[in-house]
Amino acid sequence: MRVISGEFRGRRLQAVPGSKTRPTTDKVKESMFNIIGPYFEAGLALDLFAGTGGLGLESLSRGMDKCIFIEMDVKAFRTVRDNVKTLGLDRDRAEVFKNEARKALEQLADRELRFDLVFLDPPYHKIELYEQVMTKLIDSNLLADDAYVVAEHAADVELPDTYGKAKRWRQAQYGDIAISFYRFDADDEEGMTQA
């Protein structure tokens, strides 16, 4: 596992011990960032269900100002923390929290943070988490206008085209996984009536 491009290009990242997490492959990661970037001028990112932290770290390498990583599993949390340390990132650029995603979102909302980019990769068998987390992100005003939400899911799972004011504008499939790309439009009156 490595950072593919940008400031930390080629730097190796640790994998989470065991087989509970499934890191996004380099091929999928490259394709994903080509769709949403591939580089950023600034912004605040959120890596939920962070696993190794590879997606959030890639976003920092490609120009995001800061990323907040949320991970509940203790081994994965330690791996994210170690990977952040390996890249020499201080608290101004990376914060890592061991917490359940929905509780973490409540705490982030209390800080009045608004994210430009969110990676959403819950355990595939917990399909209800997609809607719960998307609803929380929108209802808690955690998304900046025109924010991207990138949701990784099993290819045989169909996510909705819209979550309130977040609309899916693209979907890509890579073998047995799929990525749904959502864009949040704070001025979308139609989305407001559907929510």
N, C-alpha and C. Protein backbone atom coordinates (compact mmCIF):
# COMPACT_ATOMS: atom_id res chain seq x y z
N MET A 1 0.83 -1.19 0.00
CA MET A 1 0.00 0.00 0.00
C MET A 1 0.87 1.25 0.00
N ARG A 2 0.45 2.21 -0.81
CA ARG A 2 1.27 3.42 -0.93
C ARG A 2 0.39 4.60 -1.29
N VAL A 3 0.95 5.79 -1.13
CA VAL A 3 0.32 7.00 -1.65
C VAL A 3 0.66 7.09 -3.12
N ILE A 4 -0.33 7.30 -3.97
CA ILE A 4 -0.13 7.21 -5.41
C ILE A 4 0.46 8.47 -6.02
N SER A 5 -0.04 9.64 -5.60
CA SER A 5 0.36 10.87 -6.29
C SER A 5 0.41 12.04 -5.33
N GLY A 6 1.06 13.11 -5.77
CA GLY A 6 1.11 14.34 -5.00
C GLY A 6 2.29 14.44 -4.06
N GLU A 7 2.10 15.19 -2.98
CA GLU A 7 3.16 15.53 -2.03
C GLU A 7 3.86 14.30 -1.45
N PHE A 8 3.11 13.25 -1.16
CA PHE A 8 3.67 12.06 -0.52
C PHE A 8 3.77 10.88 -1.48
N ARG A 9 3.81 11.17 -2.75
CA ARG A 9 3.83 10.11 -3.76
C ARG A 9 4.90 9.05 -3.48
N GLY A 10 4.45 7.77 -3.55
CA GLY A 10 5.36 6.66 -3.37
C GLY A 10 5.61 6.24 -1.92
N ARG A 11 5.12 7.06 -0.96
CA ARG A 11 5.35 6.71 0.45
C ARG A 11 4.51 5.50 0.82
N ARG A 12 5.12 4.56 1.52
CA ARG A 12 4.44 3.32 1.90
C ARG A 12 3.57 3.54 3.13
N LEU A 13 2.43 2.85 3.14
CA LEU A 13 1.50 2.91 4.26
C LEU A 13 1.34 1.52 4.86
N GLN A 14 1.10 1.48 6.15
CA GLN A 14 0.86 0.19 6.82
C GLN A 14 -0.55 -0.29 6.52
N ALA A 15 -0.70 -1.60 6.45
CA ALA A 15 -2.02 -2.21 6.34
C ALA A 15 -2.50 -2.59 7.74
N VAL A 16 -3.81 -2.70 7.89
CA VAL A 16 -4.36 -3.12 9.17
C VAL A 16 -4.11 -4.61 9.36
N PRO A 17 -3.55 -5.04 10.51
CA PRO A 17 -3.34 -6.48 10.74
C PRO A 17 -4.65 -7.25 10.70
N GLY A 18 -4.61 -8.46 10.17
CA GLY A 18 -5.82 -9.29 10.09
C GLY A 18 -6.56 -9.05 8.78
N SER A 19 -7.78 -9.56 8.71
CA SER A 19 -8.53 -9.50 7.46
C SER A 19 -9.88 -8.81 7.59
N LYS A 20 -10.07 -8.02 8.67
CA LYS A 20 -11.36 -7.36 8.87
C LYS A 20 -11.56 -6.15 7.96
N THR A 21 -10.47 -5.50 7.56
CA THR A 21 -10.60 -4.33 6.69
C THR A 21 -10.16 -4.70 5.28
N ARG A 22 -10.68 -3.97 4.29
CA ARG A 22 -10.33 -4.20 2.90
C ARG A 22 -9.89 -2.87 2.29
N PRO A 23 -8.58 -2.62 2.27
CA PRO A 23 -8.12 -1.34 1.73
C PRO A 23 -8.48 -1.20 0.25
N THR A 24 -8.79 0.03 -0.13
CA THR A 24 -9.08 0.32 -1.54
C THR A 24 -7.81 0.11 -2.35
N THR A 25 -7.91 -0.64 -3.44
CA THR A 25 -6.72 -0.93 -4.24
C THR A 25 -6.20 0.33 -4.92
N ASP A 26 -4.92 0.30 -5.30
CA ASP A 26 -4.32 1.46 -5.97
C ASP A 26 -5.07 1.80 -7.26
N LYS A 27 -5.48 0.78 -8.01
CA LYS A 27 -6.19 1.01 -9.27
C LYS A 27 -7.51 1.75 -9.04
N VAL A 28 -8.27 1.30 -8.04
CA VAL A 28 -9.55 1.94 -7.73
C VAL A 28 -9.32 3.35 -7.20
N LYS A 29 -8.31 3.49 -6.33
CA LYS A 29 -8.00 4.80 -5.75
C LYS A 29 -7.63 5.81 -6.84
N GLU A 30 -6.78 5.38 -7.77
CA GLU A 30 -6.37 6.26 -8.87
C GLU A 30 -7.57 6.70 -9.70
N SER A 31 -8.43 5.75 -10.04
CA SER A 31 -9.62 6.06 -10.83
C SER A 31 -10.54 7.02 -10.07
N MET A 32 -10.73 6.76 -8.79
CA MET A 32 -11.59 7.59 -7.95
C MET A 32 -11.11 9.04 -7.94
N PHE A 33 -9.81 9.23 -7.73
CA PHE A 33 -9.29 10.59 -7.66
C PHE A 33 -9.26 11.27 -9.03
N ASN A 34 -9.11 10.51 -10.09
CA ASN A 34 -9.21 11.10 -11.43
C ASN A 34 -10.61 11.65 -11.68
N ILE A 35 -11.61 11.02 -11.07
CA ILE A 35 -12.99 11.47 -11.25
C ILE A 35 -13.28 12.72 -10.43
N ILE A 36 -12.82 12.79 -9.20
CA ILE A 36 -13.15 13.94 -8.34
C ILE A 36 -12.08 15.01 -8.31
N GLY A 37 -10.95 14.79 -8.86
CA GLY A 37 -9.82 15.74 -8.75
C GLY A 37 -9.19 16.02 -10.09
N PRO A 38 -8.03 15.47 -10.30
CA PRO A 38 -7.29 14.57 -9.41
C PRO A 38 -6.55 15.30 -8.28
N TYR A 39 -6.45 16.64 -8.38
CA TYR A 39 -5.77 17.40 -7.34
C TYR A 39 -6.71 18.48 -6.81
N PHE A 40 -6.41 18.98 -5.62
CA PHE A 40 -7.27 19.96 -4.96
C PHE A 40 -6.45 21.18 -4.58
N GLU A 41 -7.10 22.33 -4.56
CA GLU A 41 -6.40 23.56 -4.19
C GLU A 41 -6.44 23.80 -2.69
N ALA A 42 -7.43 23.22 -2.03
CA ALA A 42 -7.58 23.38 -0.59
C ALA A 42 -8.79 22.56 -0.17
N GLY A 43 -9.16 22.66 1.11
CA GLY A 43 -10.39 22.02 1.56
C GLY A 43 -10.20 21.13 2.76
N LEU A 44 -11.34 20.74 3.34
CA LEU A 44 -11.38 19.89 4.51
C LEU A 44 -12.03 18.56 4.12
N ALA A 45 -11.33 17.46 4.42
CA ALA A 45 -11.81 16.12 4.07
C ALA A 45 -12.16 15.34 5.33
N LEU A 46 -13.05 14.36 5.15
CA LEU A 46 -13.46 13.47 6.23
C LEU A 46 -13.38 12.04 5.72
N ASP A 47 -12.62 11.20 6.43
CA ASP A 47 -12.49 9.79 6.06
C ASP A 47 -13.19 8.97 7.14
N LEU A 48 -14.45 8.62 6.87
CA LEU A 48 -15.26 7.82 7.80
C LEU A 48 -14.99 6.34 7.58
N PHE A 49 -15.03 5.55 8.64
CA PHE A 49 -14.69 4.13 8.52
C PHE A 49 -13.33 4.03 7.84
N ALA A 50 -12.34 4.73 8.39
CA ALA A 50 -11.10 5.04 7.69
C ALA A 50 -10.24 3.84 7.33
N GLY A 51 -10.34 2.74 8.08
CA GLY A 51 -9.50 1.59 7.75
C GLY A 51 -8.03 1.92 7.95
N THR A 52 -7.27 1.96 6.87
CA THR A 52 -5.85 2.34 6.94
C THR A 52 -5.65 3.85 6.90
N GLY A 53 -6.70 4.57 6.49
CA GLY A 53 -6.59 6.01 6.28
C GLY A 53 -6.10 6.35 4.89
N GLY A 54 -5.99 5.36 4.02
CA GLY A 54 -5.40 5.56 2.69
C GLY A 54 -6.09 6.61 1.84
N LEU A 55 -7.42 6.67 1.90
CA LEU A 55 -8.14 7.64 1.06
C LEU A 55 -7.93 9.06 1.57
N GLY A 56 -8.06 9.25 2.86
CA GLY A 56 -7.84 10.57 3.42
C GLY A 56 -6.41 11.06 3.23
N LEU A 57 -5.46 10.15 3.40
CA LEU A 57 -4.05 10.51 3.20
C LEU A 57 -3.77 10.86 1.75
N GLU A 58 -4.40 10.13 0.84
CA GLU A 58 -4.25 10.44 -0.59
C GLU A 58 -4.80 11.83 -0.90
N SER A 59 -5.93 12.18 -0.26
CA SER A 59 -6.52 13.50 -0.50
C SER A 59 -5.60 14.61 0.03
N LEU A 60 -4.94 14.36 1.17
CA LEU A 60 -3.98 15.34 1.69
C LEU A 60 -2.79 15.48 0.75
N SER A 61 -2.31 14.36 0.25
CA SER A 61 -1.18 14.38 -0.67
C SER A 61 -1.51 15.16 -1.94
N ARG A 62 -2.79 15.14 -2.31
CA ARG A 62 -3.22 15.79 -3.56
C ARG A 62 -3.76 17.21 -3.35
N GLY A 63 -3.59 17.75 -2.14
CA GLY A 63 -3.89 19.17 -1.98
C GLY A 63 -4.92 19.57 -0.94
N MET A 64 -5.62 18.62 -0.32
CA MET A 64 -6.54 19.01 0.75
C MET A 64 -5.73 19.59 1.91
N ASP A 65 -6.30 20.59 2.57
CA ASP A 65 -5.60 21.23 3.70
C ASP A 65 -5.53 20.32 4.92
N LYS A 66 -6.65 19.62 5.17
CA LYS A 66 -6.74 18.84 6.40
C LYS A 66 -7.71 17.69 6.19
N CYS A 67 -7.49 16.60 6.93
CA CYS A 67 -8.43 15.47 6.92
C CYS A 67 -8.66 15.00 8.35
N ILE A 68 -9.91 14.69 8.64
CA ILE A 68 -10.27 14.08 9.92
C ILE A 68 -10.62 12.62 9.64
N PHE A 69 -10.00 11.73 10.40
CA PHE A 69 -10.16 10.28 10.22
C PHE A 69 -10.97 9.73 11.38
N ILE A 70 -12.01 8.94 11.07
CA ILE A 70 -12.83 8.31 12.08
C ILE A 70 -12.77 6.80 11.88
N GLU A 71 -12.42 6.08 12.93
CA GLU A 71 -12.33 4.62 12.85
C GLU A 71 -12.68 4.02 14.21
N MET A 72 -13.53 3.01 14.22
CA MET A 72 -13.98 2.39 15.47
C MET A 72 -13.08 1.21 15.88
N ASP A 73 -12.63 0.42 14.92
CA ASP A 73 -11.82 -0.75 15.21
C ASP A 73 -10.45 -0.33 15.76
N VAL A 74 -10.06 -0.92 16.88
CA VAL A 74 -8.83 -0.47 17.56
C VAL A 74 -7.59 -0.70 16.71
N LYS A 75 -7.49 -1.84 16.02
CA LYS A 75 -6.31 -2.10 15.18
C LYS A 75 -6.25 -1.12 14.01
N ALA A 76 -7.39 -0.87 13.40
CA ALA A 76 -7.43 0.07 12.29
C ALA A 76 -7.12 1.49 12.76
N PHE A 77 -7.67 1.87 13.91
CA PHE A 77 -7.39 3.19 14.48
C PHE A 77 -5.89 3.39 14.68
N ARG A 78 -5.24 2.38 15.25
CA ARG A 78 -3.78 2.49 15.47
C ARG A 78 -3.03 2.57 14.15
N THR A 79 -3.52 1.85 13.14
CA THR A 79 -2.87 1.88 11.83
C THR A 79 -2.99 3.27 11.20
N VAL A 80 -4.18 3.86 11.27
CA VAL A 80 -4.35 5.22 10.74
C VAL A 80 -3.41 6.18 11.46
N ARG A 81 -3.40 6.10 12.77
CA ARG A 81 -2.53 6.98 13.58
C ARG A 81 -1.07 6.82 13.19
N ASP A 82 -0.64 5.56 13.00
CA ASP A 82 0.75 5.31 12.61
C ASP A 82 1.04 5.83 11.21
N ASN A 83 0.10 5.67 10.28
CA ASN A 83 0.31 6.17 8.92
C ASN A 83 0.38 7.69 8.88
N VAL A 84 -0.44 8.34 9.69
CA VAL A 84 -0.39 9.81 9.80
C VAL A 84 0.98 10.24 10.32
N LYS A 85 1.46 9.51 11.33
CA LYS A 85 2.77 9.82 11.93
C LYS A 85 3.90 9.58 10.93
N THR A 86 3.79 8.49 10.16
CA THR A 86 4.81 8.16 9.16
C THR A 86 4.97 9.29 8.14
N LEU A 87 3.86 9.92 7.77
CA LEU A 87 3.92 11.01 6.80
C LEU A 87 4.27 12.35 7.44
N GLY A 88 4.44 12.36 8.76
CA GLY A 88 4.86 13.58 9.45
C GLY A 88 3.78 14.64 9.52
N LEU A 89 2.52 14.22 9.56
CA LEU A 89 1.41 15.16 9.58
C LEU A 89 1.06 15.55 11.01
N ASP A 90 0.98 16.84 11.27
CA ASP A 90 0.60 17.29 12.62
C ASP A 90 -0.90 17.51 12.69
N ARG A 91 -1.35 17.94 13.85
CA ARG A 91 -2.80 18.10 14.10
C ARG A 91 -3.44 19.16 13.19
N ASP A 92 -2.65 20.08 12.67
CA ASP A 92 -3.19 21.08 11.75
C ASP A 92 -3.62 20.45 10.43
N ARG A 93 -3.08 19.28 10.12
CA ARG A 93 -3.40 18.63 8.85
C ARG A 93 -4.17 17.33 9.01
N ALA A 94 -4.08 16.69 10.16
CA ALA A 94 -4.75 15.40 10.35
C ALA A 94 -5.15 15.20 11.80
N GLU A 95 -6.41 14.81 12.00
CA GLU A 95 -6.90 14.42 13.31
C GLU A 95 -7.46 13.01 13.18
N VAL A 96 -7.14 12.15 14.15
CA VAL A 96 -7.58 10.75 14.12
C VAL A 96 -8.36 10.45 15.39
N PHE A 97 -9.58 9.94 15.23
CA PHE A 97 -10.44 9.65 16.38
C PHE A 97 -10.94 8.22 16.34
N LYS A 98 -10.90 7.57 17.50
CA LYS A 98 -11.51 6.25 17.64
C LYS A 98 -12.93 6.48 18.13
N ASN A 99 -13.89 6.29 17.23
CA ASN A 99 -15.27 6.59 17.58
C ASN A 99 -16.21 5.92 16.58
N GLU A 100 -17.43 5.72 16.99
CA GLU A 100 -18.47 5.23 16.09
C GLU A 100 -18.88 6.40 15.18
N ALA A 101 -19.12 6.11 13.91
CA ALA A 101 -19.30 7.17 12.90
C ALA A 101 -20.39 8.16 13.25
N ARG A 102 -21.57 7.69 13.65
CA ARG A 102 -22.68 8.61 13.91
C ARG A 102 -22.41 9.50 15.12
N LYS A 103 -21.79 8.94 16.16
CA LYS A 103 -21.42 9.75 17.32
C LYS A 103 -20.37 10.78 16.94
N ALA A 104 -19.41 10.34 16.12
CA ALA A 104 -18.36 11.25 15.67
C ALA A 104 -18.95 12.43 14.90
N LEU A 105 -19.95 12.15 14.06
CA LEU A 105 -20.57 13.22 13.28
C LEU A 105 -21.25 14.24 14.18
N GLU A 106 -21.86 13.77 15.26
CA GLU A 106 -22.47 14.71 16.22
C GLU A 106 -21.42 15.64 16.82
N GLN A 107 -20.26 15.06 17.17
CA GLN A 107 -19.20 15.87 17.76
C GLN A 107 -18.61 16.85 16.74
N LEU A 108 -18.49 16.40 15.49
CA LEU A 108 -17.97 17.29 14.45
C LEU A 108 -18.95 18.42 14.17
N ALA A 109 -20.25 18.12 14.25
CA ALA A 109 -21.27 19.16 14.05
C ALA A 109 -21.18 20.20 15.16
N ASP A 110 -20.88 19.77 16.39
CA ASP A 110 -20.72 20.70 17.51
C ASP A 110 -19.57 21.67 17.26
N ARG A 111 -18.59 21.22 16.48
CA ARG A 111 -17.44 22.08 16.15
C ARG A 111 -17.74 22.98 14.95
N GLU A 112 -18.94 22.81 14.37
CA GLU A 112 -19.40 23.61 13.22
C GLU A 112 -18.45 23.47 12.02
N LEU A 113 -17.97 22.25 11.80
CA LEU A 113 -17.11 21.98 10.66
C LEU A 113 -17.97 21.71 9.43
N ARG A 114 -17.43 22.05 8.26
CA ARG A 114 -18.10 21.75 7.00
C ARG A 114 -17.07 21.15 6.04
N PHE A 115 -17.40 19.98 5.55
CA PHE A 115 -16.44 19.20 4.76
C PHE A 115 -16.66 19.38 3.26
N ASP A 116 -15.54 19.47 2.54
CA ASP A 116 -15.57 19.58 1.08
C ASP A 116 -15.53 18.21 0.41
N LEU A 117 -15.03 17.22 1.13
CA LEU A 117 -14.87 15.88 0.57
C LEU A 117 -15.04 14.86 1.69
N VAL A 118 -15.93 13.88 1.46
CA VAL A 118 -16.18 12.84 2.45
C VAL A 118 -16.02 11.48 1.79
N PHE A 119 -15.23 10.61 2.43
CA PHE A 119 -15.10 9.22 2.00
C PHE A 119 -15.95 8.37 2.94
N LEU A 120 -16.83 7.58 2.34
CA LEU A 120 -17.77 6.78 3.11
C LEU A 120 -17.60 5.32 2.69
N ASP A 121 -17.05 4.52 3.60
CA ASP A 121 -16.74 3.12 3.27
C ASP A 121 -17.05 2.21 4.46
N PRO A 122 -18.35 2.12 4.84
CA PRO A 122 -18.70 1.26 5.97
C PRO A 122 -18.60 -0.22 5.60
N PRO A 123 -18.66 -1.10 6.59
CA PRO A 123 -18.70 -2.53 6.27
C PRO A 123 -19.85 -2.80 5.29
N TYR A 124 -19.57 -3.54 4.22
CA TYR A 124 -20.55 -3.71 3.15
C TYR A 124 -21.86 -4.32 3.62
N HIS A 125 -21.80 -5.19 4.64
CA HIS A 125 -23.03 -5.85 5.08
C HIS A 125 -23.91 -4.94 5.94
N LYS A 126 -23.41 -3.76 6.30
CA LYS A 126 -24.20 -2.83 7.11
C LYS A 126 -24.78 -1.73 6.21
N ILE A 127 -25.66 -2.14 5.32
CA ILE A 127 -26.20 -1.24 4.30
C ILE A 127 -26.96 -0.06 4.91
N GLU A 128 -27.54 -0.27 6.09
CA GLU A 128 -28.32 0.81 6.71
C GLU A 128 -27.44 2.00 7.10
N LEU A 129 -26.14 1.77 7.26
CA LEU A 129 -25.24 2.87 7.66
C LEU A 129 -25.11 3.94 6.59
N TYR A 130 -25.25 3.57 5.31
CA TYR A 130 -25.13 4.58 4.26
C TYR A 130 -26.18 5.67 4.45
N GLU A 131 -27.43 5.26 4.59
CA GLU A 131 -28.50 6.25 4.74
C GLU A 131 -28.38 7.00 6.05
N GLN A 132 -28.06 6.29 7.13
CA GLN A 132 -27.94 6.96 8.43
C GLN A 132 -26.85 8.03 8.41
N VAL A 133 -25.71 7.69 7.83
CA VAL A 133 -24.59 8.63 7.80
C VAL A 133 -24.86 9.78 6.84
N MET A 134 -25.38 9.47 5.66
CA MET A 134 -25.69 10.54 4.70
C MET A 134 -26.71 11.51 5.28
N THR A 135 -27.74 10.99 5.92
CA THR A 135 -28.76 11.84 6.54
C THR A 135 -28.15 12.72 7.61
N LYS A 136 -27.26 12.13 8.42
CA LYS A 136 -26.61 12.89 9.49
C LYS A 136 -25.71 13.99 8.92
N LEU A 137 -24.96 13.67 7.88
CA LEU A 137 -24.09 14.67 7.25
C LEU A 137 -24.89 15.88 6.77
N ILE A 138 -26.04 15.60 6.14
CA ILE A 138 -26.85 16.67 5.57
C ILE A 138 -27.61 17.43 6.65
N ASP A 139 -28.30 16.69 7.53
CA ASP A 139 -29.11 17.33 8.57
C ASP A 139 -28.28 18.12 9.56
N SER A 140 -27.04 17.72 9.76
CA SER A 140 -26.16 18.40 10.73
C SER A 140 -25.34 19.51 10.09
N ASN A 141 -25.62 19.80 8.82
CA ASN A 141 -24.94 20.90 8.11
C ASN A 141 -23.42 20.70 8.07
N LEU A 142 -23.02 19.45 7.85
CA LEU A 142 -21.59 19.12 7.83
C LEU A 142 -20.98 19.18 6.43
N LEU A 143 -21.80 19.39 5.41
CA LEU A 143 -21.29 19.43 4.03
C LEU A 143 -21.23 20.85 3.51
N ALA A 144 -20.08 21.21 2.98
CA ALA A 144 -19.95 22.50 2.31
C ALA A 144 -20.71 22.45 0.99
N ASP A 145 -21.09 23.60 0.48
CA ASP A 145 -21.77 23.62 -0.81
C ASP A 145 -20.84 23.05 -1.88
N ASP A 146 -21.39 22.21 -2.73
CA ASP A 146 -20.65 21.51 -3.79
C ASP A 146 -19.70 20.45 -3.25
N ALA A 147 -19.90 20.01 -2.02
CA ALA A 147 -19.07 18.94 -1.45
C ALA A 147 -19.27 17.64 -2.22
N TYR A 148 -18.21 16.85 -2.30
CA TYR A 148 -18.28 15.50 -2.84
C TYR A 148 -18.41 14.50 -1.70
N VAL A 149 -19.27 13.50 -1.89
CA VAL A 149 -19.29 12.33 -1.00
C VAL A 149 -19.03 11.12 -1.88
N VAL A 150 -17.98 10.39 -1.55
CA VAL A 150 -17.57 9.22 -2.33
C VAL A 150 -17.87 7.99 -1.49
N ALA A 151 -18.87 7.19 -1.96
CA ALA A 151 -19.33 6.03 -1.20
C ALA A 151 -18.91 4.74 -1.90
N GLU A 152 -18.14 3.93 -1.18
CA GLU A 152 -17.72 2.63 -1.72
C GLU A 152 -18.67 1.57 -1.19
N HIS A 153 -19.11 0.69 -2.08
CA HIS A 153 -20.08 -0.34 -1.68
C HIS A 153 -19.95 -1.56 -2.57
N ALA A 154 -20.59 -2.65 -2.16
CA ALA A 154 -20.59 -3.85 -2.98
C ALA A 154 -21.32 -3.58 -4.29
N ALA A 155 -20.83 -4.16 -5.37
CA ALA A 155 -21.41 -3.90 -6.69
C ALA A 155 -22.86 -4.36 -6.79
N ASP A 156 -23.24 -5.34 -6.00
CA ASP A 156 -24.63 -5.82 -6.05
C ASP A 156 -25.57 -5.05 -5.13
N VAL A 157 -25.06 -3.97 -4.51
CA VAL A 157 -25.88 -3.09 -3.68
C VAL A 157 -26.17 -1.82 -4.46
N GLU A 158 -27.44 -1.46 -4.55
CA GLU A 158 -27.83 -0.24 -5.26
C GLU A 158 -28.16 0.84 -4.26
N LEU A 159 -27.34 1.89 -4.22
CA LEU A 159 -27.63 3.03 -3.36
C LEU A 159 -28.60 3.97 -4.08
N PRO A 160 -29.34 4.79 -3.34
CA PRO A 160 -30.28 5.72 -3.98
C PRO A 160 -29.56 6.76 -4.84
N ASP A 161 -30.29 7.30 -5.81
CA ASP A 161 -29.74 8.36 -6.65
C ASP A 161 -29.57 9.66 -5.87
N THR A 162 -30.40 9.85 -4.86
CA THR A 162 -30.32 11.08 -4.06
C THR A 162 -30.46 10.76 -2.58
N TYR A 163 -29.76 11.55 -1.78
CA TYR A 163 -29.98 11.63 -0.34
C TYR A 163 -30.25 13.10 -0.07
N GLY A 164 -31.50 13.49 -0.01
CA GLY A 164 -31.81 14.90 0.19
C GLY A 164 -31.20 15.75 -0.91
N LYS A 165 -30.33 16.68 -0.53
CA LYS A 165 -29.70 17.58 -1.50
C LYS A 165 -28.40 17.03 -2.08
N ALA A 166 -28.09 15.79 -1.76
CA ALA A 166 -26.91 15.14 -2.34
C ALA A 166 -27.37 14.22 -3.46
N LYS A 167 -26.89 14.48 -4.67
CA LYS A 167 -27.30 13.70 -5.84
C LYS A 167 -26.13 12.91 -6.39
N ARG A 168 -26.41 11.64 -6.74
CA ARG A 168 -25.36 10.85 -7.38
C ARG A 168 -25.23 11.31 -8.82
N TRP A 169 -24.00 11.65 -9.21
CA TRP A 169 -23.77 12.12 -10.58
C TRP A 169 -22.92 11.14 -11.39
N ARG A 170 -22.41 10.15 -10.67
CA ARG A 170 -21.63 9.14 -11.39
C ARG A 170 -21.50 7.90 -10.53
N GLN A 171 -21.40 6.75 -11.21
CA GLN A 171 -21.11 5.50 -10.51
C GLN A 171 -20.11 4.73 -11.36
N ALA A 172 -19.16 4.10 -10.69
CA ALA A 172 -18.16 3.29 -11.39
C ALA A 172 -18.07 1.94 -10.71
N GLN A 173 -17.83 0.91 -11.51
CA GLN A 173 -17.73 -0.44 -10.96
C GLN A 173 -16.35 -1.01 -11.26
N TYR A 174 -15.79 -1.68 -10.25
CA TYR A 174 -14.47 -2.31 -10.36
C TYR A 174 -14.61 -3.72 -9.79
N GLY A 175 -14.92 -4.68 -10.64
CA GLY A 175 -15.11 -6.05 -10.17
C GLY A 175 -16.31 -6.12 -9.25
N ASP A 176 -16.08 -6.58 -8.01
CA ASP A 176 -17.21 -6.76 -7.10
C ASP A 176 -17.46 -5.56 -6.20
N ILE A 177 -16.76 -4.43 -6.45
CA ILE A 177 -17.05 -3.21 -5.70
C ILE A 177 -17.50 -2.11 -6.65
N ALA A 178 -18.24 -1.17 -6.10
CA ALA A 178 -18.70 -0.02 -6.87
C ALA A 178 -18.45 1.24 -6.05
N ILE A 179 -18.32 2.35 -6.75
CA ILE A 179 -18.17 3.65 -6.11
C ILE A 179 -19.30 4.54 -6.61
N SER A 180 -20.07 5.10 -5.69
CA SER A 180 -21.09 6.09 -6.03
C SER A 180 -20.58 7.46 -5.64
N PHE A 181 -20.63 8.39 -6.59
CA PHE A 181 -20.13 9.75 -6.38
C PHE A 181 -21.33 10.69 -6.23
N TYR A 182 -21.42 11.35 -5.09
CA TYR A 182 -22.50 12.28 -4.82
C TYR A 182 -21.96 13.71 -4.75
N ARG A 183 -22.81 14.66 -5.14
CA ARG A 183 -22.46 16.08 -5.03
C ARG A 183 -23.57 16.76 -4.22
N PHE A 184 -23.18 17.54 -3.25
CA PHE A 184 -24.14 18.22 -2.39
C PHE A 184 -24.40 19.63 -2.90
N ASP A 185 -25.67 19.98 -3.08
CA ASP A 185 -26.07 21.30 -3.55
C ASP A 185 -26.97 21.94 -2.50
N ALA A 186 -26.44 22.86 -1.73
CA ALA A 186 -27.20 23.48 -0.64
C ALA A 186 -28.39 24.28 -1.15
N ASP A 187 -28.36 24.72 -2.41
CA ASP A 187 -29.45 25.53 -2.97
C ASP A 187 -30.50 24.71 -3.69
N ASP A 188 -30.42 23.40 -3.61
CA ASP A 188 -31.34 22.52 -4.33
C ASP A 188 -32.69 22.46 -3.62
N GLU A 189 -33.66 23.20 -4.14
CA GLU A 189 -35.00 23.23 -3.54
C GLU A 189 -35.70 21.88 -3.72
N GLU A 190 -35.48 21.25 -4.87
CA GLU A 190 -36.12 19.95 -5.14
C GLU A 190 -35.66 18.91 -4.14
N GLY A 191 -34.36 18.87 -3.88
CA GLY A 191 -33.82 17.93 -2.91
C GLY A 191 -34.37 18.16 -1.52
N MET A 192 -34.67 19.44 -1.21
CA MET A 192 -35.19 19.78 0.11
C MET A 192 -36.59 19.17 0.29
N THR A 193 -37.39 19.16 -0.75
CA THR A 193 -38.74 18.62 -0.63
C THR A 193 -38.73 17.10 -0.59
N GLN A 194 -37.68 16.47 -1.15
CA GLN A 194 -37.61 15.01 -1.15
C GLN A 194 -37.07 14.45 0.15
N ALA A 195 -36.31 15.27 0.88
CA ALA A 195 -35.62 14.78 2.08
C ALA A 195 -36.60 14.29 3.14
